[in-house]
Amino acid sequence: MRTQTDRERIRRQTRKRKLRYLRRRLEKATSQAERRRIIAKIKRVSPTAPVPDL
């Protein structure tokens, strides 16, 4: 059985992994529409995370 701290740790790790993945995709994105979509996803995953401007 998982404890509350384990669940929180796993949740943080998952969020960080997803943010790293999305930032990597953002670097490779070519069109502005694609960049906007990825930035929207980043903000949804972590609203306070720093995101480069368009």
Protein backbone atom coordinates (compact mmCIF):
# COMPACT_ATOMS: atom_id res chain seq x y z
CA MET A 1 0.00 0.00 0.00
CA ARG A 2 1.28 3.46 -0.89
CA THR A 3 1.52 6.26 1.61
CA GLN A 4 0.46 9.81 0.92
CA THR A 5 4.08 10.99 0.60
CA ASP A 6 4.78 8.27 -1.98
CA ARG A 7 1.78 9.37 -4.04
CA GLU A 8 2.89 13.01 -3.91
CA ARG A 9 6.47 12.10 -4.89
CA ILE A 10 5.29 10.01 -7.82
CA ARG A 11 2.94 12.79 -8.92
CA ARG A 12 5.78 15.36 -8.81
CA GLN A 13 8.10 13.06 -10.75
CA THR A 14 5.45 12.44 -13.41
CA ARG A 15 4.77 16.16 -13.78
CA LYS A 16 8.49 16.97 -14.10
CA ARG A 17 8.97 14.21 -16.67
CA LYS A 18 6.03 15.49 -18.71
CA LEU A 19 7.31 19.09 -18.51
CA ARG A 20 10.76 17.99 -19.72
CA TYR A 21 9.15 16.14 -22.61
CA LEU A 22 6.98 19.13 -23.57
CA ARG A 23 9.89 21.59 -23.35
CA ARG A 24 11.93 19.34 -25.64
CA ARG A 25 9.04 19.27 -28.10
CA LEU A 26 8.75 23.05 -27.85
CA GLU A 27 12.41 23.45 -28.87
CA LYS A 28 11.82 21.33 -31.98
CA ALA A 29 8.49 22.93 -32.90
CA THR A 30 8.56 24.84 -36.17
CA SER A 31 5.13 26.44 -36.61
CA GLN A 32 3.61 29.04 -34.30
CA ALA A 33 0.37 27.04 -34.00
CA GLU A 34 2.27 24.01 -32.75
CA ARG A 35 4.23 26.17 -30.28
CA ARG A 36 0.98 27.66 -28.94
CA ARG A 37 -0.53 24.20 -28.43
CA ILE A 38 2.54 22.94 -26.57
CA ILE A 39 2.70 26.06 -24.38
CA ALA A 40 -0.99 25.60 -23.51
CA LYS A 41 -0.24 22.01 -22.45
CA ILE A 42 2.72 23.14 -20.33
CA LYS A 43 0.52 25.70 -18.57
CA ARG A 44 -2.15 23.05 -17.97
CA VAL A 45 0.38 20.65 -16.43
CA SER A 46 2.09 23.27 -14.29
CA PRO A 47 0.59 26.80 -14.27
CA THR A 48 3.52 28.35 -12.40
CA ALA A 49 6.27 26.79 -14.54
CA PRO A 50 8.31 29.29 -16.56
CA VAL A 51 7.48 29.12 -20.28
CA PRO A 52 9.36 30.93 -23.03
CA ASP A 53 7.33 33.57 -24.88
CA LEU A 54 6.09 33.08 -28.42
